[in-house]
């Protein structure tokens, strides 16, 4: 979403549940927040902003994060 496309890399998934997932998938990762900005609700706000941005740009079928 933020880093552009890199279609030259292969990704091999071996989990059985991966066969159930197809289409456009959004992956949302972790973020580091400066100590003086912690406890201001950013950890709840940023994933929501990322999802809203992604669904406004692409037809998202699945989303997952960690």
Foldseek 3Di string as FASTA:
>chain_A
DPPDDDVPDDDDDDDPCVVVDDDAEAEAEDDDDDPVCPPPCCVVVVVVVVVVVVVVPDVHDYYDYD
